[in-house]
Amino acid sequence: MTYNKSFYVFLDETPLPVTIRNYQEQDIAEMIDIQRESFPPPYPSELWWNTEQLRSHMEMFPEGALCAESDGHLIGSMTGLITQFDPKHPEHTWEEVTDHGYIRNHNPNGNSLYVVDIGVRPAYRKCGIGKWLMQSMYETVVQLRLERLLGGGRMPGYHRYADQMTPEQYASAVMKGDLRDPVITFLLRCGRTPVAVAHNYLEDEESCNHALLMEWKNPFQ
């Protein structure tokens, strides 16, 4: 299944043509550049995509390998795989569910599309590119007749409150609107809803290694 969708967003007041499509071999260098811009220190650079991982994504599950392109340059990307998820046992780590980012454990018979990664160049974040990428993955969920889209959302604002509240309390405060988190609030705006906090999910200093699992359920299931 090939994905290709073109539309316009606005950069300030200027219409900007954008295409979301499957990423390919020739996109690898720009994909890695997006990682560098999207996840600066203290995010660990060893967690940025490398060439072998990106090639594995395209081989194992090309339908889940999406990029956003404008004027011949990549401005964002999103990667997913299919997994079997049991809501009664939600606890897992990013490395376990993504095979250390190589997605060789992609399960075409699974029930859920799992978000491995999403990133947008900072200069384009006010254009809604991240939300468009997320919507494209929702469409993939519907097309493949999966139950849900699922993923662990970083909580980069949590380190400021870690000495005052648990990650569950922090997530609850964000859900109530008492606090705003750059990632969790964005995912809420994209239609995602919370499932559970995943402890020791990912080496992430700002999130104190925690993440909030959030899902979008297929409305046609």
C-alpha atoms as a PDB file:
ATOM      1  CA  MET A   1       0.000   0.000   0.000  1.00  0.00           C
ATOM      2  CA  THR A   2       1.521   3.303  -1.117  1.00  0.00           C
ATOM      3  CA  TYR A   3       0.633   6.487   0.741  1.00  0.00           C
ATOM      4  CA  ASN A   4       0.633   9.865  -1.022  1.00  0.00           C
ATOM      5  CA  LYS A   5      -1.373  12.919   0.018  1.00  0.00           C
ATOM      6  CA  SER A   6      -0.863  16.568  -0.973  1.00  0.00           C
ATOM      7  CA  PHE A   7      -2.369  19.668   0.628  1.00  0.00           C
ATOM      8  CA  TYR A   8      -1.516  23.176   1.815  1.00  0.00           C
ATOM      9  CA  VAL A   9      -0.549  24.471   5.240  1.00  0.00           C
ATOM     10  CA  PHE A  10       0.251  28.032   6.253  1.00  0.00           C
ATOM     11  CA  LEU A  11       3.707  29.244   7.246  1.00  0.00           C
ATOM     12  CA  ASP A  12       2.806  32.540   8.897  1.00  0.00           C
ATOM     13  CA  GLU A  13       0.382  33.872   6.251  1.00  0.00           C
ATOM     14  CA  THR A  14       1.910  32.098   3.261  1.00  0.00           C
ATOM     15  CA  PRO A  15       0.340  28.914   1.813  1.00  0.00           C
ATOM     16  CA  LEU A  16       2.893  26.100   1.750  1.00  0.00           C
ATOM     17  CA  PRO A  17       2.404  22.983  -0.410  1.00  0.00           C
ATOM     18  CA  VAL A  18       3.081  19.753   1.500  1.00  0.00           C
ATOM     19  CA  THR A  19       3.066  16.104   0.484  1.00  0.00           C
ATOM     20  CA  ILE A  20       2.991  13.199   2.916  1.00  0.00           C
ATOM     21  CA  ARG A  21       4.376  10.008   1.383  1.00  0.00           C
ATOM     22  CA  ASN A  22       6.360   6.889   2.201  1.00  0.00           C
ATOM     23  CA  TYR A  23      10.030   7.630   2.762  1.00  0.00           C
ATOM     24  CA  GLN A  24      12.623   5.997   0.501  1.00  0.00           C
ATOM     25  CA  GLU A  25      16.336   5.238   0.314  1.00  0.00           C
ATOM     26  CA  GLN A  26      17.152   8.673  -1.109  1.00  0.00           C
ATOM     27  CA  ASP A  27      15.522  10.321   1.923  1.00  0.00           C
ATOM     28  CA  ILE A  28      17.807   8.777   4.537  1.00  0.00           C
ATOM     29  CA  ALA A  29      20.211  11.712   4.969  1.00  0.00           C
ATOM     30  CA  GLU A  30      17.354  14.189   5.424  1.00  0.00           C
ATOM     31  CA  MET A  31      15.550  11.815   7.784  1.00  0.00           C
ATOM     32  CA  ILE A  32      18.586  11.813  10.060  1.00  0.00           C
ATOM     33  CA  ASP A  33      18.788  15.623   9.835  1.00  0.00           C
ATOM     34  CA  ILE A  34      15.179  15.825  11.013  1.00  0.00           C
ATOM     35  CA  GLN A  35      16.126  13.711  14.034  1.00  0.00           C
ATOM     36  CA  ARG A  36      18.996  16.052  14.927  1.00  0.00           C
ATOM     37  CA  GLU A  37      16.754  19.120  14.743  1.00  0.00           C
ATOM     38  CA  SER A  38      13.737  17.524  16.425  1.00  0.00           C
ATOM     39  CA  PHE A  39      15.542  15.956  19.395  1.00  0.00           C
ATOM     40  CA  PRO A  40      18.420  18.190  20.551  1.00  0.00           C
ATOM     41  CA  PRO A  41      20.364  17.586  23.811  1.00  0.00           C
ATOM     42  CA  PRO A  42      19.737  16.483  26.486  1.00  0.00           C
ATOM     43  CA  TYR A  43      17.937  13.898  24.329  1.00  0.00           C
ATOM     44  CA  PRO A  44      20.596  11.203  23.685  1.00  0.00           C
ATOM     45  CA  SER A  45      21.972  11.351  20.145  1.00  0.00           C
ATOM     46  CA  GLU A  46      22.391   7.564  20.053  1.00  0.00           C
ATOM     47  CA  LEU A  47      18.593   7.341  19.859  1.00  0.00           C
ATOM     48  CA  TRP A  48      18.486   9.256  16.573  1.00  0.00           C
ATOM     49  CA  TRP A  49      17.761   7.078  13.545  1.00  0.00           C
ATOM     50  CA  ASN A  50      20.703   5.538  11.740  1.00  0.00           C
ATOM     51  CA  THR A  51      20.850   4.309   8.165  1.00  0.00           C
ATOM     52  CA  GLU A  52      20.377   0.631   9.075  1.00  0.00           C
ATOM     53  CA  GLN A  53      17.266   1.356  11.119  1.00  0.00           C
ATOM     54  CA  LEU A  54      15.674   3.455   8.386  1.00  0.00           C
ATOM     55  CA  ARG A  55      16.333   0.753   5.792  1.00  0.00           C
ATOM     56  CA  SER A  56      14.760  -1.792   8.123  1.00  0.00           C
ATOM     57  CA  HIS A  57      11.635   0.387   8.469  1.00  0.00           C
ATOM     58  CA  MET A  58      11.231   0.535   4.703  1.00  0.00           C
ATOM     59  CA  GLU A  59      11.730  -3.216   4.368  1.00  0.00           C
ATOM     60  CA  MET A  60       9.622  -4.438   7.292  1.00  0.00           C
ATOM     61  CA  PHE A  61       6.644  -2.054   7.115  1.00  0.00           C
ATOM     62  CA  PRO A  62       6.791   0.587   4.368  1.00  0.00           C
ATOM     63  CA  GLU A  63       3.181   1.580   5.088  1.00  0.00           C
ATOM     64  CA  GLY A  64       4.338   2.875   8.472  1.00  0.00           C
ATOM     65  CA  ALA A  65       7.310   4.828   7.094  1.00  0.00           C
ATOM     66  CA  LEU A  66       5.983   8.327   6.344  1.00  0.00           C
ATOM     67  CA  CYS A  67       7.598  11.679   5.660  1.00  0.00           C
ATOM     68  CA  ALA A  68       6.327  15.196   5.001  1.00  0.00           C
ATOM     69  CA  GLU A  69       7.912  17.027   2.075  1.00  0.00           C
ATOM     70  CA  SER A  70       7.689  20.658   0.956  1.00  0.00           C
ATOM     71  CA  ASP A  71       9.450  22.283  -1.993  1.00  0.00           C
ATOM     72  CA  GLY A  72      11.650  19.221  -2.453  1.00  0.00           C
ATOM     73  CA  HIS A  73      12.842  19.042   1.176  1.00  0.00           C
ATOM     74  CA  LEU A  74      11.717  16.834   4.048  1.00  0.00           C
ATOM     75  CA  ILE A  75      10.244  18.741   6.988  1.00  0.00           C
ATOM     76  CA  GLY A  76       8.878  15.932   9.156  1.00  0.00           C
ATOM     77  CA  SER A  77       8.646  12.179   9.553  1.00  0.00           C
ATOM     78  CA  MET A  78       6.740   9.478  11.390  1.00  0.00           C
ATOM     79  CA  THR A  79       7.406   5.756  11.761  1.00  0.00           C
ATOM     80  CA  GLY A  80       5.199   2.932  13.003  1.00  0.00           C
ATOM     81  CA  LEU A  81       4.920  -0.838  13.191  1.00  0.00           C
ATOM     82  CA  ILE A  82       2.125  -3.300  13.922  1.00  0.00           C
ATOM     83  CA  THR A  83       2.121  -5.060  17.272  1.00  0.00           C
ATOM     84  CA  GLN A  84      -0.235  -7.154  19.386  1.00  0.00           C
ATOM     85  CA  PHE A  85      -1.343  -5.048  22.350  1.00  0.00           C
ATOM     86  CA  ASP A  86      -3.159  -6.296  25.451  1.00  0.00           C
ATOM     87  CA  PRO A  87      -4.768  -3.372  27.346  1.00  0.00           C
ATOM     88  CA  LYS A  88      -4.751  -5.488  30.515  1.00  0.00           C
ATOM     89  CA  HIS A  89      -0.939  -5.609  30.414  1.00  0.00           C
ATOM     90  CA  PRO A  90       0.164  -2.215  29.055  1.00  0.00           C
ATOM     91  CA  GLU A  91       3.630  -1.985  30.634  1.00  0.00           C
ATOM     92  CA  HIS A  92       6.546  -2.157  28.185  1.00  0.00           C
ATOM     93  CA  THR A  93       9.624  -0.240  27.100  1.00  0.00           C
ATOM     94  CA  TRP A  94      10.316   1.524  23.823  1.00  0.00           C
ATOM     95  CA  GLU A  95      13.222  -0.816  23.078  1.00  0.00           C
ATOM     96  CA  GLU A  96      11.072  -3.911  23.639  1.00  0.00           C
ATOM     97  CA  VAL A  97       8.187  -2.846  21.440  1.00  0.00           C
ATOM     98  CA  THR A  98      10.339  -1.404  18.607  1.00  0.00           C
ATOM     99  CA  ASP A  99      13.184  -3.945  18.623  1.00  0.00           C
ATOM    100  CA  HIS A 100      15.635  -1.174  19.549  1.00  0.00           C
ATOM    101  CA  GLY A 101      14.247   0.939  16.708  1.00  0.00           C
ATOM    102  CA  TYR A 102      14.777  -1.659  13.964  1.00  0.00           C
ATOM    103  CA  ILE A 103      11.133  -2.945  14.021  1.00  0.00           C
ATOM    104  CA  ARG A 104      12.203  -6.446  12.969  1.00  0.00           C
ATOM    105  CA  ASN A 105       9.461  -7.626  15.361  1.00  0.00           C
ATOM    106  CA  HIS A 106       6.768  -6.025  13.160  1.00  0.00           C
ATOM    107  CA  ASN A 107       3.734  -8.327  13.375  1.00  0.00           C
ATOM    108  CA  PRO A 108       1.418  -8.022  10.349  1.00  0.00           C
ATOM    109  CA  ASN A 109      -1.198 -10.046  12.261  1.00  0.00           C
ATOM    110  CA  GLY A 110      -1.196  -7.706  15.273  1.00  0.00           C
ATOM    111  CA  ASN A 111      -4.093  -5.519  16.404  1.00  0.00           C
ATOM    112  CA  SER A 112      -2.433  -2.126  16.881  1.00  0.00           C
ATOM    113  CA  LEU A 113      -0.314   0.336  14.933  1.00  0.00           C
ATOM    114  CA  TYR A 114       2.438   1.471  17.281  1.00  0.00           C
ATOM    115  CA  VAL A 115       4.087   4.882  16.855  1.00  0.00           C
ATOM    116  CA  VAL A 116       7.833   4.396  16.932  1.00  0.00           C
ATOM    117  CA  ASP A 117       8.741   8.033  16.348  1.00  0.00           C
ATOM    118  CA  ILE A 118       7.447  11.386  15.109  1.00  0.00           C
ATOM    119  CA  GLY A 119       9.542  14.497  14.452  1.00  0.00           C
ATOM    120  CA  VAL A 120       9.105  17.867  12.726  1.00  0.00           C
ATOM    121  CA  ARG A 121      11.752  20.469  11.974  1.00  0.00           C
ATOM    122  CA  PRO A 122      11.285  23.328  14.499  1.00  0.00           C
ATOM    123  CA  ALA A 123      10.846  25.934  11.739  1.00  0.00           C
ATOM    124  CA  TYR A 124       7.677  24.157  10.573  1.00  0.00           C
ATOM    125  CA  ARG A 125       6.030  23.209  13.869  1.00  0.00           C
ATOM    126  CA  LYS A 126       3.490  26.026  13.750  1.00  0.00           C
ATOM    127  CA  CYS A 127       2.171  24.704  10.427  1.00  0.00           C
ATOM    128  CA  GLY A 128       0.449  21.651  11.926  1.00  0.00           C
ATOM    129  CA  ILE A 129       2.738  19.146  10.184  1.00  0.00           C
ATOM    130  CA  GLY A 130       2.828  16.834  13.218  1.00  0.00           C
ATOM    131  CA  LYS A 131      -0.956  16.725  13.347  1.00  0.00           C
ATOM    132  CA  TRP A 132      -1.132  15.959   9.617  1.00  0.00           C
ATOM    133  CA  LEU A 133       1.347  13.102  10.031  1.00  0.00           C
ATOM    134  CA  MET A 134      -0.693  11.721  12.923  1.00  0.00           C
ATOM    135  CA  GLN A 135      -3.876  11.950  10.862  1.00  0.00           C
ATOM    136  CA  SER A 136      -2.151  10.035   8.079  1.00  0.00           C
ATOM    137  CA  MET A 137      -1.330   7.219  10.490  1.00  0.00           C
ATOM    138  CA  TYR A 138      -4.968   7.195  11.661  1.00  0.00           C
ATOM    139  CA  GLU A 139      -5.942   6.674   8.037  1.00  0.00           C
ATOM    140  CA  THR A 140      -3.484   3.773   7.876  1.00  0.00           C
ATOM    141  CA  VAL A 141      -5.109   2.240  10.967  1.00  0.00           C
ATOM    142  CA  VAL A 142      -8.502   2.412   9.247  1.00  0.00           C
ATOM    143  CA  GLN A 143      -7.144   1.111   5.930  1.00  0.00           C
ATOM    144  CA  LEU A 144      -5.536  -1.905   7.625  1.00  0.00           C
ATOM    145  CA  ARG A 145      -8.573  -2.476   9.881  1.00  0.00           C
ATOM    146  CA  LEU A 146      -6.553  -2.319  13.085  1.00  0.00           C
ATOM    147  CA  GLU A 147      -8.074  -1.659  16.495  1.00  0.00           C
ATOM    148  CA  ARG A 148      -6.031   1.369  17.468  1.00  0.00           C
ATOM    149  CA  LEU A 149      -3.007   3.574  17.093  1.00  0.00           C
ATOM    150  CA  LEU A 150      -0.856   3.452  20.207  1.00  0.00           C
ATOM    151  CA  GLY A 151       2.386   5.014  21.361  1.00  0.00           C
ATOM    152  CA  GLY A 152       4.330   6.298  24.320  1.00  0.00           C
ATOM    153  CA  GLY A 153       4.312  10.077  24.590  1.00  0.00           C
ATOM    154  CA  ARG A 154       7.372  11.698  26.149  1.00  0.00           C
ATOM    155  CA  MET A 155       6.682  13.967  29.120  1.00  0.00           C
ATOM    156  CA  PRO A 156       9.524  16.492  28.683  1.00  0.00           C
ATOM    157  CA  GLY A 157       8.036  18.889  31.217  1.00  0.00           C
ATOM    158  CA  TYR A 158       7.975  16.324  34.005  1.00  0.00           C
ATOM    159  CA  HIS A 159      11.545  16.890  35.239  1.00  0.00           C
ATOM    160  CA  ARG A 160      10.459  20.302  36.539  1.00  0.00           C
ATOM    161  CA  TYR A 161       7.905  18.660  38.842  1.00  0.00           C
ATOM    162  CA  ALA A 162       9.492  15.274  39.605  1.00  0.00           C
ATOM    163  CA  ASP A 163      10.281  16.286  43.190  1.00  0.00           C
ATOM    164  CA  GLN A 164       6.657  17.334  43.737  1.00  0.00           C
ATOM    165  CA  MET A 165       4.526  14.652  42.076  1.00  0.00           C
ATOM    166  CA  THR A 166       4.552  11.180  40.550  1.00  0.00           C
ATOM    167  CA  PRO A 167       4.448  10.797  36.757  1.00  0.00           C
ATOM    168  CA  GLU A 168       0.821   9.712  37.106  1.00  0.00           C
ATOM    169  CA  GLN A 169      -0.007  12.902  39.014  1.00  0.00           C
ATOM    170  CA  TYR A 170       1.827  14.966  36.404  1.00  0.00           C
ATOM    171  CA  ALA A 171      -0.100  13.308  33.571  1.00  0.00           C
ATOM    172  CA  SER A 172      -3.353  13.912  35.438  1.00  0.00           C
ATOM    173  CA  ALA A 173      -2.505  17.599  35.905  1.00  0.00           C
ATOM    174  CA  VAL A 174      -1.851  17.910  32.169  1.00  0.00           C
ATOM    175  CA  MET A 175      -5.127  16.155  31.394  1.00  0.00           C
ATOM    176  CA  LYS A 176      -7.002  18.593  33.640  1.00  0.00           C
ATOM    177  CA  GLY A 177      -5.314  21.573  32.022  1.00  0.00           C
ATOM    178  CA  ASP A 178      -3.507  22.611  35.218  1.00  0.00           C
ATOM    179  CA  LEU A 179      -0.155  22.042  33.459  1.00  0.00           C
ATOM    180  CA  ARG A 180       0.897  22.034  29.828  1.00  0.00           C
ATOM    181  CA  ASP A 181       3.377  19.531  28.424  1.00  0.00           C
ATOM    182  CA  PRO A 182       4.836  20.095  24.927  1.00  0.00           C
ATOM    183  CA  VAL A 183       4.304  16.494  23.836  1.00  0.00           C
ATOM    184  CA  ILE A 184       1.299  15.262  25.831  1.00  0.00           C
ATOM    185  CA  THR A 185      -0.718  18.403  25.113  1.00  0.00           C
ATOM    186  CA  PHE A 186       0.133  18.074  21.413  1.00  0.00           C
ATOM    187  CA  LEU A 187      -1.040  14.440  21.396  1.00  0.00           C
ATOM    188  CA  LEU A 188      -4.295  15.422  23.088  1.00  0.00           C
ATOM    189  CA  ARG A 189      -4.850  17.978  20.336  1.00  0.00           C
ATOM    190  CA  CYS A 190      -4.303  15.160  17.824  1.00  0.00           C
ATOM    191  CA  GLY A 191      -7.110  13.102  19.350  1.00  0.00           C
ATOM    192  CA  ARG A 192      -5.066  10.700  21.470  1.00  0.00           C
ATOM    193  CA  THR A 193      -6.348   9.568  24.877  1.00  0.00           C
ATOM    194  CA  PRO A 194      -4.336   8.220  27.863  1.00  0.00           C
ATOM    195  CA  VAL A 195      -3.950   4.530  28.638  1.00  0.00           C
ATOM    196  CA  ALA A 196      -1.294   4.300  31.371  1.00  0.00           C
ATOM    197  CA  VAL A 197       2.087   5.644  32.432  1.00  0.00           C
ATOM    198  CA  ALA A 198       4.970   3.465  31.266  1.00  0.00           C
ATOM    199  CA  HIS A 199       7.853   3.532  33.750  1.00  0.00           C
ATOM    200  CA  ASN A 200      11.461   3.251  32.563  1.00  0.00           C
ATOM    201  CA  TYR A 201      10.100   3.510  29.025  1.00  0.00           C
ATOM    202  CA  LEU A 202      13.010   5.299  27.387  1.00  0.00           C
ATOM    203  CA  GLU A 203      16.318   6.898  28.341  1.00  0.00           C
ATOM    204  CA  ASP A 204      15.033  10.453  28.503  1.00  0.00           C
ATOM    205  CA  GLU A 205      16.359  12.899  31.077  1.00  0.00           C
ATOM    206  CA  GLU A 206      13.569  15.451  30.651  1.00  0.00           C
ATOM    207  CA  SER A 207      10.839  12.831  31.152  1.00  0.00           C
ATOM    208  CA  CYS A 208      12.765  11.095  33.947  1.00  0.00           C
ATOM    209  CA  ASN A 209      12.538   7.994  31.693  1.00  0.00           C
ATOM    210  CA  HIS A 210       8.723   7.850  31.857  1.00  0.00           C
ATOM    211  CA  ALA A 211       6.123   8.120  29.094  1.00  0.00           C
ATOM    212  CA  LEU A 212       2.350   8.303  28.872  1.00  0.00           C
ATOM    213  CA  LEU A 213       0.887   5.575  26.684  1.00  0.00           C
ATOM    214  CA  MET A 214      -1.835   7.150  24.562  1.00  0.00           C
ATOM    215  CA  GLU A 215      -4.135   5.650  21.953  1.00  0.00           C
ATOM    216  CA  TRP A 216      -6.561   6.528  19.166  1.00  0.00           C
ATOM    217  CA  LYS A 217      -9.209   3.881  18.615  1.00  0.00           C
ATOM    218  CA  ASN A 218     -10.454   3.003  15.163  1.00  0.00           C
ATOM    219  CA  PRO A 219     -14.043   4.334  15.121  1.00  0.00           C
ATOM    220  CA  PHE A 220     -15.028   1.703  12.539  1.00  0.00           C
ATOM    221  CA  GLN A 221     -14.090  -1.273  14.724  1.00  0.00           C
END
